[in-house]
All heavy atoms as atom14 arrays in JSON, in Angstrom:
{
  "sequence": "YNFWVLFEILPMWLFSLEILLNLNTSYYSKGVFISNRGRIFKHYMKYN",
  "atom14_mask": [
    [1, 1, 1, 1, 1, 1, 1, 1, 1, 1, 1, 1, 0, 0],
    [1, 1, 1, 1, 1, 1, 1, 1, 0, 0, 0, 0, 0, 0],
    [1, 1, 1, 1, 1, 1, 1, 1, 1, 1, 1, 0, 0, 0],
    [1, 1, 1, 1, 1, 1, 1, 1, 1, 1, 1, 1, 1, 1],
    [1, 1, 1, 1, 1, 1, 1, 0, 0, 0, 0, 0, 0, 0],
    [1, 1, 1, 1, 1, 1, 1, 1, 0, 0, 0, 0, 0, 0],
    [1, 1, 1, 1, 1, 1, 1, 1, 1, 1, 1, 0, 0, 0],
    [1, 1, 1, 1, 1, 1, 1, 1, 1, 0, 0, 0, 0, 0],
    [1, 1, 1, 1, 1, 1, 1, 1, 0, 0, 0, 0, 0, 0],
    [1, 1, 1, 1, 1, 1, 1, 1, 0, 0, 0, 0, 0, 0],
    [1, 1, 1, 1, 1, 1, 1, 0, 0, 0, 0, 0, 0, 0],
    [1, 1, 1, 1, 1, 1, 1, 1, 0, 0, 0, 0, 0, 0],
    [1, 1, 1, 1, 1, 1, 1, 1, 1, 1, 1, 1, 1, 1],
    [1, 1, 1, 1, 1, 1, 1, 1, 0, 0, 0, 0, 0, 0],
    [1, 1, 1, 1, 1, 1, 1, 1, 1, 1, 1, 0, 0, 0],
    [1, 1, 1, 1, 1, 1, 0, 0, 0, 0, 0, 0, 0, 0],
    [1, 1, 1, 1, 1, 1, 1, 1, 0, 0, 0, 0, 0, 0],
    [1, 1, 1, 1, 1, 1, 1, 1, 1, 0, 0, 0, 0, 0],
    [1, 1, 1, 1, 1, 1, 1, 1, 0, 0, 0, 0, 0, 0],
    [1, 1, 1, 1, 1, 1, 1, 1, 0, 0, 0, 0, 0, 0],
    [1, 1, 1, 1, 1, 1, 1, 1, 0, 0, 0, 0, 0, 0],
    [1, 1, 1, 1, 1, 1, 1, 1, 0, 0, 0, 0, 0, 0],
    [1, 1, 1, 1, 1, 1, 1, 1, 0, 0, 0, 0, 0, 0],
    [1, 1, 1, 1, 1, 1, 1, 1, 0, 0, 0, 0, 0, 0],
    [1, 1, 1, 1, 1, 1, 1, 0, 0, 0, 0, 0, 0, 0],
    [1, 1, 1, 1, 1, 1, 0, 0, 0, 0, 0, 0, 0, 0],
    [1, 1, 1, 1, 1, 1, 1, 1, 1, 1, 1, 1, 0, 0],
    [1, 1, 1, 1, 1, 1, 1, 1, 1, 1, 1, 1, 0, 0],
    [1, 1, 1, 1, 1, 1, 0, 0, 0, 0, 0, 0, 0, 0],
    [1, 1, 1, 1, 1, 1, 1, 1, 1, 0, 0, 0, 0, 0],
    [1, 1, 1, 1, 0, 0, 0, 0, 0, 0, 0, 0, 0, 0],
    [1, 1, 1, 1, 1, 1, 1, 0, 0, 0, 0, 0, 0, 0],
    [1, 1, 1, 1, 1, 1, 1, 1, 1, 1, 1, 0, 0, 0],
    [1, 1, 1, 1, 1, 1, 1, 1, 0, 0, 0, 0, 0, 0],
    [1, 1, 1, 1, 1, 1, 0, 0, 0, 0, 0, 0, 0, 0],
    [1, 1, 1, 1, 1, 1, 1, 1, 0, 0, 0, 0, 0, 0],
    [1, 1, 1, 1, 1, 1, 1, 1, 1, 1, 1, 0, 0, 0],
    [1, 1, 1, 1, 0, 0, 0, 0, 0, 0, 0, 0, 0, 0],
    [1, 1, 1, 1, 1, 1, 1, 1, 1, 1, 1, 0, 0, 0],
    [1, 1, 1, 1, 1, 1, 1, 1, 0, 0, 0, 0, 0, 0],
    [1, 1, 1, 1, 1, 1, 1, 1, 1, 1, 1, 0, 0, 0],
    [1, 1, 1, 1, 1, 1, 1, 1, 1, 0, 0, 0, 0, 0],
    [1, 1, 1, 1, 1, 1, 1, 1, 1, 1, 0, 0, 0, 0],
    [1, 1, 1, 1, 1, 1, 1, 1, 1, 1, 1, 1, 0, 0],
    [1, 1, 1, 1, 1, 1, 1, 1, 0, 0, 0, 0, 0, 0],
    [1, 1, 1, 1, 1, 1, 1, 1, 1, 0, 0, 0, 0, 0],
    [1, 1, 1, 1, 1, 1, 1, 1, 1, 1, 1, 1, 0, 0],
    [1, 1, 1, 1, 1, 1, 1, 1, 0, 0, 0, 0, 0, 0]
  ],
  "atom14_positions": [
    [[141.86, 70.57, 71.79], [142.99, 71.39, 71.33], [142.61, 72.27, 70.14], [142.97, 73.46, 70.1], [144.18, 70.5, 70.96], [145.35, 71.3, 70.43], [146.13, 72.07, 71.29], [145.64, 71.3, 69.07], [147.19, 72.82, 70.82], [146.71, 72.04, 68.59], [147.48, 72.8, 69.46], [148.52, 73.54, 68.97], [0.0, 0.0, 0.0], [0.0, 0.0, 0.0]],
    [[141.86, 71.72, 69.18], [141.51, 72.5, 67.98], [140.64, 73.71, 68.34], [140.78, 74.77, 67.74], [140.78, 71.61, 66.96], [141.71, 70.59, 66.34], [142.92, 70.75, 66.35], [141.14, 69.51, 65.81], [0.0, 0.0, 0.0], [0.0, 0.0, 0.0], [0.0, 0.0, 0.0], [0.0, 0.0, 0.0], [0.0, 0.0, 0.0], [0.0, 0.0, 0.0]],
    [[139.74, 73.54, 69.31], [138.91, 74.67, 69.74], [139.76, 75.71, 70.46], [139.52, 76.91, 70.35], [137.77, 74.19, 70.64], [136.64, 73.55, 69.89], [136.43, 72.18, 69.95], [135.8, 74.32, 69.1], [135.39, 71.59, 69.24], [134.76, 73.74, 68.4], [134.55, 72.37, 68.47], [0.0, 0.0, 0.0], [0.0, 0.0, 0.0], [0.0, 0.0, 0.0]],
    [[140.74, 75.24, 71.22], [141.62, 76.16, 71.92], [142.39, 77.03, 70.92], [142.52, 78.23, 71.08], [142.59, 75.38, 72.81], [143.49, 76.26, 73.63], [144.8, 76.53, 73.42], [143.13, 76.98, 74.82], [145.28, 77.37, 74.38], [144.27, 77.66, 75.26], [141.93, 77.11, 75.54], [144.29, 78.47, 76.39], [141.94, 77.91, 76.68], [143.1, 78.58, 77.08]],
    [[142.9, 76.39, 69.87], [143.61, 77.13, 68.81], [142.66, 78.13, 68.14], [143.01, 79.28, 67.9], [144.21, 76.16, 67.76], [144.74, 76.92, 66.56], [145.31, 75.32, 68.39], [0.0, 0.0, 0.0], [0.0, 0.0, 0.0], [0.0, 0.0, 0.0], [0.0, 0.0, 0.0], [0.0, 0.0, 0.0], [0.0, 0.0, 0.0], [0.0, 0.0, 0.0]],
    [[141.44, 77.67, 67.85], [140.45, 78.5, 67.17], [140.12, 79.77, 67.95], [139.98, 80.84, 67.36], [139.18, 77.68, 66.95], [138.02, 78.36, 66.2], [138.41, 78.62, 64.75], [136.77, 77.5, 66.26], [0.0, 0.0, 0.0], [0.0, 0.0, 0.0], [0.0, 0.0, 0.0], [0.0, 0.0, 0.0], [0.0, 0.0, 0.0], [0.0, 0.0, 0.0]],
    [[140.02, 79.66, 69.26], [139.59, 80.79, 70.08], [140.73, 81.54, 70.77], [140.54, 82.68, 71.18], [138.6, 80.32, 71.15], [137.28, 79.89, 70.6], [136.76, 78.64, 70.89], [136.54, 80.74, 69.79], [135.53, 78.24, 70.39], [135.31, 80.34, 69.28], [134.81, 79.1, 69.57], [0.0, 0.0, 0.0], [0.0, 0.0, 0.0], [0.0, 0.0, 0.0]],
    [[141.89, 80.92, 70.91], [142.96, 81.54, 71.69], [144.16, 81.98, 70.86], [144.87, 82.9, 71.26], [143.44, 80.56, 72.78], [142.35, 80.11, 73.71], [141.74, 81.26, 74.49], [142.49, 82.15, 74.91], [140.51, 81.25, 74.68], [0.0, 0.0, 0.0], [0.0, 0.0, 0.0], [0.0, 0.0, 0.0], [0.0, 0.0, 0.0], [0.0, 0.0, 0.0]],
    [[144.4, 81.34, 69.73], [145.58, 81.66, 68.93], [145.2, 82.34, 67.61], [145.81, 83.35, 67.21], [146.41, 80.39, 68.64], [146.89, 79.79, 69.98], [147.59, 80.68, 67.74], [147.54, 78.44, 69.87], [0.0, 0.0, 0.0], [0.0, 0.0, 0.0], [0.0, 0.0, 0.0], [0.0, 0.0, 0.0], [0.0, 0.0, 0.0], [0.0, 0.0, 0.0]],
    [[144.17, 81.83, 66.95], [143.76, 82.37, 65.65], [143.33, 83.84, 65.68], [143.62, 84.57, 64.73], [142.63, 81.5, 65.08], [142.25, 81.73, 63.62], [143.44, 81.49, 62.7], [141.09, 80.84, 63.23], [0.0, 0.0, 0.0], [0.0, 0.0, 0.0], [0.0, 0.0, 0.0], [0.0, 0.0, 0.0], [0.0, 0.0, 0.0], [0.0, 0.0, 0.0]],
    [[142.65, 84.34, 66.74], [142.19, 85.74, 66.71], [143.29, 86.75, 66.45], [143.09, 87.71, 65.7], [141.6, 85.94, 68.11], [141.19, 84.59, 68.55], [142.19, 83.65, 67.94], [0.0, 0.0, 0.0], [0.0, 0.0, 0.0], [0.0, 0.0, 0.0], [0.0, 0.0, 0.0], [0.0, 0.0, 0.0], [0.0, 0.0, 0.0], [0.0, 0.0, 0.0]],
    [[144.46, 86.55, 67.04], [145.56, 87.48, 66.85], [145.91, 87.64, 65.38], [146.1, 88.75, 64.87], [146.79, 86.99, 67.64], [148.01, 87.85, 67.48], [149.37, 87.25, 68.52], [149.78, 85.71, 67.73], [0.0, 0.0, 0.0], [0.0, 0.0, 0.0], [0.0, 0.0, 0.0], [0.0, 0.0, 0.0], [0.0, 0.0, 0.0], [0.0, 0.0, 0.0]],
    [[145.94, 86.52, 64.67], [146.31, 86.55, 63.25], [145.17, 87.07, 62.39], [145.39, 87.83, 61.44], [146.74, 85.15, 62.8], [147.9, 84.66, 63.59], [147.89, 83.72, 64.58], [149.25, 85.11, 63.49], [149.15, 83.57, 65.11], [150.01, 84.4, 64.46], [149.9, 86.05, 62.68], [151.38, 84.6, 64.63], [151.26, 86.24, 62.86], [151.98, 85.53, 63.82]],
    [[143.94, 86.69, 62.71], [142.8, 87.16, 61.93], [142.59, 88.66, 62.06], [142.34, 89.36, 61.07], [141.53, 86.43, 62.36], [141.29, 85.05, 61.76], [140.02, 84.44, 62.33], [141.2, 85.11, 60.24], [0.0, 0.0, 0.0], [0.0, 0.0, 0.0], [0.0, 0.0, 0.0], [0.0, 0.0, 0.0], [0.0, 0.0, 0.0], [0.0, 0.0, 0.0]],
    [[142.7, 89.19, 63.28], [142.5, 90.62, 63.5], [143.63, 91.43, 62.87], [143.42, 92.54, 62.39], [142.37, 90.93, 64.98], [141.11, 90.41, 65.6], [141.03, 90.21, 66.97], [140.01, 90.11, 64.82], [139.86, 89.73, 67.55], [138.84, 89.62, 65.39], [138.76, 89.42, 66.75], [0.0, 0.0, 0.0], [0.0, 0.0, 0.0], [0.0, 0.0, 0.0]],
    [[144.85, 90.87, 62.88], [145.97, 91.54, 62.23], [145.74, 91.58, 60.72], [145.98, 92.59, 60.05], [147.29, 90.83, 62.55], [147.54, 90.85, 63.93], [0.0, 0.0, 0.0], [0.0, 0.0, 0.0], [0.0, 0.0, 0.0], [0.0, 0.0, 0.0], [0.0, 0.0, 0.0], [0.0, 0.0, 0.0], [0.0, 0.0, 0.0], [0.0, 0.0, 0.0]],
    [[145.25, 90.45, 60.17], [144.92, 90.4, 58.74], [143.82, 91.39, 58.39], [143.85, 92.04, 57.35], [144.5, 88.97, 58.36], [143.99, 88.77, 56.93], [145.08, 89.1, 55.92], [143.48, 87.34, 56.73], [0.0, 0.0, 0.0], [0.0, 0.0, 0.0], [0.0, 0.0, 0.0], [0.0, 0.0, 0.0], [0.0, 0.0, 0.0], [0.0, 0.0, 0.0]],
    [[142.85, 91.52, 59.29], [141.74, 92.45, 59.04], [142.23, 93.89, 58.96], [141.76, 94.66, 58.13], [140.68, 92.31, 60.13], [139.43, 93.11, 59.82], [138.33, 92.9, 60.84], [138.63, 92.49, 61.97], [137.17, 93.16, 60.5], [0.0, 0.0, 0.0], [0.0, 0.0, 0.0], [0.0, 0.0, 0.0], [0.0, 0.0, 0.0], [0.0, 0.0, 0.0]],
    [[143.17, 94.26, 59.81], [143.74, 95.61, 59.74], [144.41, 95.82, 58.39], [144.22, 96.85, 57.74], [144.75, 95.83, 60.9], [144.01, 95.94, 62.23], [145.57, 97.1, 60.65], [144.91, 96.07, 63.43], [0.0, 0.0, 0.0], [0.0, 0.0, 0.0], [0.0, 0.0, 0.0], [0.0, 0.0, 0.0], [0.0, 0.0, 0.0], [0.0, 0.0, 0.0]],
    [[145.15, 94.82, 57.95], [145.82, 94.9, 56.64], [144.8, 95.03, 55.51], [144.97, 95.85, 54.59], [146.7, 93.66, 56.44], [147.58, 93.65, 55.19], [148.61, 94.77, 55.24], [148.28, 92.3, 55.05], [0.0, 0.0, 0.0], [0.0, 0.0, 0.0], [0.0, 0.0, 0.0], [0.0, 0.0, 0.0], [0.0, 0.0, 0.0], [0.0, 0.0, 0.0]],
    [[143.73, 94.24, 55.58], [142.69, 94.32, 54.55], [141.99, 95.68, 54.56], [141.73, 96.26, 53.5], [141.65, 93.21, 54.76], [142.02, 91.81, 54.28], [140.93, 90.82, 54.66], [142.22, 91.79, 52.77], [0.0, 0.0, 0.0], [0.0, 0.0, 0.0], [0.0, 0.0, 0.0], [0.0, 0.0, 0.0], [0.0, 0.0, 0.0], [0.0, 0.0, 0.0]],
    [[141.68, 96.17, 55.75], [140.98, 97.46, 55.85], [141.83, 98.61, 55.31], [141.3, 99.59, 54.78], [140.57, 97.75, 57.3], [139.42, 96.87, 57.74], [138.64, 96.39, 56.92], [139.31, 96.64, 59.04], [0.0, 0.0, 0.0], [0.0, 0.0, 0.0], [0.0, 0.0, 0.0], [0.0, 0.0, 0.0], [0.0, 0.0, 0.0], [0.0, 0.0, 0.0]],
    [[143.14, 98.5, 55.45], [144.05, 99.52, 54.91], [144.11, 99.47, 53.38], [144.64, 100.39, 52.76], [145.46, 99.33, 55.48], [145.68, 99.82, 56.91], [147.0, 99.32, 57.46], [145.6, 101.34, 56.97], [0.0, 0.0, 0.0], [0.0, 0.0, 0.0], [0.0, 0.0, 0.0], [0.0, 0.0, 0.0], [0.0, 0.0, 0.0], [0.0, 0.0, 0.0]],
    [[143.57, 98.38, 52.82], [143.61, 98.21, 51.37], [142.22, 97.94, 50.78], [142.1, 97.27, 49.76], [144.57, 97.06, 51.0], [146.0, 97.39, 51.32], [146.66, 98.08, 50.56], [146.48, 96.91, 52.46], [0.0, 0.0, 0.0], [0.0, 0.0, 0.0], [0.0, 0.0, 0.0], [0.0, 0.0, 0.0], [0.0, 0.0, 0.0], [0.0, 0.0, 0.0]],
    [[141.19, 98.45, 51.44], [139.82, 98.29, 50.94], [139.23, 99.66, 50.64], [139.23, 100.55, 51.5], [138.93, 97.57, 51.97], [139.46, 96.25, 52.21], [137.5, 97.44, 51.45], [0.0, 0.0, 0.0], [0.0, 0.0, 0.0], [0.0, 0.0, 0.0], [0.0, 0.0, 0.0], [0.0, 0.0, 0.0], [0.0, 0.0, 0.0], [0.0, 0.0, 0.0]],
    [[138.77, 99.83, 49.42], [138.16, 101.1, 49.02], [136.84, 101.3, 49.77], [136.34, 100.39, 50.44], [137.93, 101.1, 47.51], [137.19, 99.96, 47.13], [0.0, 0.0, 0.0], [0.0, 0.0, 0.0], [0.0, 0.0, 0.0], [0.0, 0.0, 0.0], [0.0, 0.0, 0.0], [0.0, 0.0, 0.0], [0.0, 0.0, 0.0], [0.0, 0.0, 0.0]],
    [[136.26, 102.48, 49.65], [135.02, 102.78, 50.36], [134.21, 103.81, 49.58], [134.7, 104.4, 48.61], [135.32, 103.29, 51.78], [136.0, 104.63, 51.83], [135.28, 105.8, 52.05], [137.39, 104.74, 51.65], [135.91, 107.04, 52.09], [138.02, 105.96, 51.7], [137.29, 107.12, 51.91], [137.91, 108.34, 51.94], [0.0, 0.0, 0.0], [0.0, 0.0, 0.0]],
    [[132.97, 103.99, 50.0], [132.09, 104.97, 49.39], [131.94, 106.17, 50.33], [131.74, 105.99, 51.53], [130.71, 104.38, 49.1], [130.72, 103.34, 48.0], [130.82, 101.98, 48.3], [130.62, 103.72, 46.67], [130.83, 101.03, 47.3], [130.62, 102.77, 45.65], [130.73, 101.43, 45.98], [130.75, 100.49, 44.98], [0.0, 0.0, 0.0], [0.0, 0.0, 0.0]],
    [[132.06, 107.35, 49.79], [131.87, 108.56, 50.57], [130.87, 109.45, 49.84], [131.14, 109.95, 48.75], [133.21, 109.3, 50.73], [133.02, 110.53, 51.4], [0.0, 0.0, 0.0], [0.0, 0.0, 0.0], [0.0, 0.0, 0.0], [0.0, 0.0, 0.0], [0.0, 0.0, 0.0], [0.0, 0.0, 0.0], [0.0, 0.0, 0.0], [0.0, 0.0, 0.0]],
    [[129.67, 109.6, 50.42], [128.6, 110.4, 49.82], [128.3, 109.95, 48.4], [128.12, 110.76, 47.49], [128.95, 111.88, 49.85], [129.14, 112.44, 51.27], [129.54, 113.89, 51.24], [129.74, 114.41, 52.66], [130.17, 115.81, 52.69], [0.0, 0.0, 0.0], [0.0, 0.0, 0.0], [0.0, 0.0, 0.0], [0.0, 0.0, 0.0], [0.0, 0.0, 0.0]],
    [[128.29, 108.63, 48.22], [127.97, 108.06, 46.91], [129.13, 108.0, 45.94], [129.0, 107.5, 44.82], [0.0, 0.0, 0.0], [0.0, 0.0, 0.0], [0.0, 0.0, 0.0], [0.0, 0.0, 0.0], [0.0, 0.0, 0.0], [0.0, 0.0, 0.0], [0.0, 0.0, 0.0], [0.0, 0.0, 0.0], [0.0, 0.0, 0.0], [0.0, 0.0, 0.0]],
    [[130.31, 108.51, 46.35], [131.49, 108.51, 45.47], [132.42, 107.37, 45.88], [132.72, 107.2, 47.07], [132.24, 109.86, 45.55], [133.49, 109.83, 44.66], [131.32, 111.01, 45.17], [0.0, 0.0, 0.0], [0.0, 0.0, 0.0], [0.0, 0.0, 0.0], [0.0, 0.0, 0.0], [0.0, 0.0, 0.0], [0.0, 0.0, 0.0], [0.0, 0.0, 0.0]],
    [[132.85, 106.59, 44.89], [133.74, 105.45, 45.13], [135.17, 105.97, 45.32], [135.72, 106.61, 44.43], [133.66, 104.47, 43.96], [134.49, 103.24, 44.13], [134.13, 102.26, 45.05], [135.63, 103.04, 43.37], [134.89, 101.12, 45.2], [136.4, 101.9, 43.51], [136.02, 100.94, 44.43], [0.0, 0.0, 0.0], [0.0, 0.0, 0.0], [0.0, 0.0, 0.0]],
    [[135.78, 105.67, 46.46], [137.13, 106.14, 46.77], [138.09, 104.95, 46.75], [137.93, 104.01, 47.52], [137.19, 106.81, 48.16], [136.13, 107.9, 48.29], [138.6, 107.34, 48.43], [136.3, 109.06, 47.36], [0.0, 0.0, 0.0], [0.0, 0.0, 0.0], [0.0, 0.0, 0.0], [0.0, 0.0, 0.0], [0.0, 0.0, 0.0], [0.0, 0.0, 0.0]],
    [[139.09, 105.01, 45.85], [140.06, 103.92, 45.76], [141.5, 104.43, 45.87], [142.44, 103.66, 45.68], [139.89, 103.17, 44.43], [140.08, 104.04, 43.34], [0.0, 0.0, 0.0], [0.0, 0.0, 0.0], [0.0, 0.0, 0.0], [0.0, 0.0, 0.0], [0.0, 0.0, 0.0], [0.0, 0.0, 0.0], [0.0, 0.0, 0.0], [0.0, 0.0, 0.0]],
    [[141.67, 105.7, 46.21], [143.0, 106.26, 46.39], [143.58, 105.79, 47.71], [142.94, 105.92, 48.76], [142.91, 107.8, 46.36], [144.25, 108.45, 46.64], [144.62, 108.69, 47.77], [144.98, 108.73, 45.56], [0.0, 0.0, 0.0], [0.0, 0.0, 0.0], [0.0, 0.0, 0.0], [0.0, 0.0, 0.0], [0.0, 0.0, 0.0], [0.0, 0.0, 0.0]],
    [[144.8, 105.23, 47.69], [145.39, 104.64, 48.89], [145.54, 105.66, 50.02], [145.3, 105.34, 51.18], [146.76, 104.03, 48.58], [146.68, 102.7, 47.87], [148.05, 102.05, 47.79], [148.0, 100.84, 46.99], [147.69, 99.64, 47.47], [147.36, 99.52, 48.74], [147.68, 98.57, 46.69], [0.0, 0.0, 0.0], [0.0, 0.0, 0.0], [0.0, 0.0, 0.0]],
    [[145.94, 106.87, 49.68], [146.12, 107.91, 50.68], [144.82, 108.23, 51.4], [144.77, 108.33, 52.64], [0.0, 0.0, 0.0], [0.0, 0.0, 0.0], [0.0, 0.0, 0.0], [0.0, 0.0, 0.0], [0.0, 0.0, 0.0], [0.0, 0.0, 0.0], [0.0, 0.0, 0.0], [0.0, 0.0, 0.0], [0.0, 0.0, 0.0], [0.0, 0.0, 0.0]],
    [[143.73, 108.36, 50.64], [142.43, 108.66, 51.24], [141.88, 107.48, 52.03], [141.24, 107.64, 53.06], [141.44, 109.11, 50.15], [141.82, 110.44, 49.53], [140.78, 110.93, 48.56], [139.51, 111.24, 49.25], [138.43, 111.68, 48.62], [138.45, 111.87, 47.3], [137.33, 111.93, 49.28], [0.0, 0.0, 0.0], [0.0, 0.0, 0.0], [0.0, 0.0, 0.0]],
    [[142.13, 106.26, 51.52], [141.72, 105.06, 52.26], [142.42, 105.02, 53.61], [141.81, 104.76, 54.64], [142.05, 103.77, 51.46], [141.16, 103.67, 50.21], [141.88, 102.53, 52.32], [141.57, 102.57, 49.25], [0.0, 0.0, 0.0], [0.0, 0.0, 0.0], [0.0, 0.0, 0.0], [0.0, 0.0, 0.0], [0.0, 0.0, 0.0], [0.0, 0.0, 0.0]],
    [[143.73, 105.3, 53.6], [144.52, 105.29, 54.83], [143.98, 106.32, 55.82], [143.77, 106.01, 57.0], [145.99, 105.58, 54.5], [146.89, 105.6, 55.7], [147.32, 104.43, 56.28], [147.3, 106.82, 56.25], [148.15, 104.45, 57.4], [148.12, 106.85, 57.36], [148.55, 105.66, 57.93], [0.0, 0.0, 0.0], [0.0, 0.0, 0.0], [0.0, 0.0, 0.0]],
    [[143.74, 107.55, 55.36], [143.24, 108.61, 56.23], [141.86, 108.26, 56.79], [141.57, 108.49, 57.97], [143.17, 109.94, 55.47], [144.52, 110.56, 55.21], [144.36, 111.86, 54.42], [145.72, 112.47, 54.1], [145.6, 113.7, 53.29], [0.0, 0.0, 0.0], [0.0, 0.0, 0.0], [0.0, 0.0, 0.0], [0.0, 0.0, 0.0], [0.0, 0.0, 0.0]],
    [[141.0, 107.7, 55.93], [139.65, 107.32, 56.34], [139.69, 106.25, 57.42], [138.98, 106.33, 58.43], [138.86, 106.84, 55.11], [137.46, 106.41, 55.41], [137.13, 105.1, 55.64], [136.31, 107.14, 55.53], [135.82, 105.02, 55.87], [135.31, 106.23, 55.81], [0.0, 0.0, 0.0], [0.0, 0.0, 0.0], [0.0, 0.0, 0.0], [0.0, 0.0, 0.0]],
    [[140.53, 105.24, 57.21], [140.63, 104.15, 58.19], [141.23, 104.64, 59.5], [140.77, 104.29, 60.58], [141.45, 103.0, 57.59], [141.56, 101.79, 58.49], [140.43, 101.24, 59.09], [142.79, 101.19, 58.74], [140.52, 100.13, 59.9], [142.89, 100.08, 59.56], [141.75, 99.55, 60.14], [141.85, 98.46, 60.96], [0.0, 0.0, 0.0], [0.0, 0.0, 0.0]],
    [[142.27, 105.47, 59.4], [142.9, 106.02, 60.61], [141.91, 106.87, 61.4], [141.92, 106.88, 62.63], [144.12, 106.87, 60.24], [145.28, 106.08, 59.65], [146.03, 104.91, 60.8], [146.99, 106.0, 61.82], [0.0, 0.0, 0.0], [0.0, 0.0, 0.0], [0.0, 0.0, 0.0], [0.0, 0.0, 0.0], [0.0, 0.0, 0.0], [0.0, 0.0, 0.0]],
    [[141.04, 107.56, 60.7], [140.08, 108.46, 61.35], [138.98, 107.71, 62.07], [138.55, 108.1, 63.16], [139.48, 109.4, 60.31], [138.51, 110.42, 60.88], [138.0, 111.35, 59.78], [137.02, 112.37, 60.34], [136.5, 113.27, 59.27], [0.0, 0.0, 0.0], [0.0, 0.0, 0.0], [0.0, 0.0, 0.0], [0.0, 0.0, 0.0], [0.0, 0.0, 0.0]],
    [[138.5, 106.59, 61.48], [137.3, 105.94, 62.01], [137.54, 104.63, 62.76], [136.89, 104.37, 63.77], [136.29, 105.7, 60.89], [135.7, 106.98, 60.35], [136.13, 107.5, 59.13], [134.74, 107.68, 61.07], [135.6, 108.68, 58.64], [134.19, 108.86, 60.58], [134.63, 109.36, 59.36], [134.11, 110.53, 58.88], [0.0, 0.0, 0.0], [0.0, 0.0, 0.0]],
    [[138.41, 103.77, 62.27], [138.46, 102.41, 62.83], [139.82, 101.92, 63.31], [139.88, 100.97, 64.09], [137.92, 101.39, 61.79], [136.49, 101.66, 61.42], [136.22, 102.17, 60.34], [135.58, 101.34, 62.3], [0.0, 0.0, 0.0], [0.0, 0.0, 0.0], [0.0, 0.0, 0.0], [0.0, 0.0, 0.0], [0.0, 0.0, 0.0], [0.0, 0.0, 0.0]]
  ]
}
Protein backbone atom coordinates (compact mmCIF):
# COMPACT_ATOMS: atom_id res chain seq x y z
CA TYR A 1 0.00 0.00 0.00
CA ASN A 2 2.76 2.49 0.89
CA PHE A 3 4.43 2.01 -2.50
CA TRP A 4 1.08 2.46 -4.22
CA VAL A 5 0.59 5.79 -2.42
CA LEU A 6 4.17 6.80 -3.25
CA PHE A 7 3.79 6.20 -6.98
CA GLU A 8 0.07 6.72 -7.62
CA ILE A 9 -1.16 9.44 -5.25
CA LEU A 10 1.87 11.50 -4.20
CA PRO A 11 2.92 12.62 -7.75
CA MET A 12 -0.17 14.79 -8.18
CA TRP A 13 0.63 16.75 -5.03
CA LEU A 14 4.39 16.93 -5.60
CA PHE A 15 4.07 18.18 -9.18
CA SER A 16 1.47 20.74 -8.11
CA LEU A 17 3.84 21.91 -5.37
CA GLU A 18 6.65 22.12 -7.91
CA ILE A 19 4.60 24.45 -10.11
CA LEU A 20 3.99 26.65 -7.07
CA LEU A 21 7.70 26.64 -6.19
CA ASN A 22 8.77 27.41 -9.76
CA LEU A 23 6.41 30.40 -9.82
CA ASN A 24 8.26 31.69 -6.76
CA THR A 25 11.88 30.83 -7.60
CA SER A 26 14.25 33.50 -8.88
CA TYR A 27 16.57 32.78 -11.80
CA TYR A 28 19.69 34.00 -13.59
CA SER A 29 19.46 35.62 -17.00
CA LYS A 30 22.78 36.34 -18.76
CA GLY A 31 24.52 36.44 -15.40
CA VAL A 32 21.93 38.80 -13.85
CA PHE A 33 19.97 37.64 -10.81
CA ILE A 34 16.22 38.10 -11.41
CA SER A 35 13.93 38.17 -8.35
CA ASN A 36 11.04 40.29 -9.65
CA ARG A 37 7.79 38.28 -9.40
CA GLY A 38 6.45 39.58 -12.70
CA ARG A 39 9.59 38.57 -14.61
CA ILE A 40 9.73 35.21 -12.82
CA PHE A 41 6.12 34.57 -13.85
CA LYS A 42 6.77 35.52 -17.49
CA HIS A 43 9.96 33.44 -17.60
CA TYR A 44 8.24 30.35 -16.19
CA MET A 45 5.20 30.76 -18.46
CA LYS A 46 7.50 31.07 -21.47
CA TYR A 47 9.70 28.03 -20.82
CA ASN A 48 8.25 25.43 -18.44
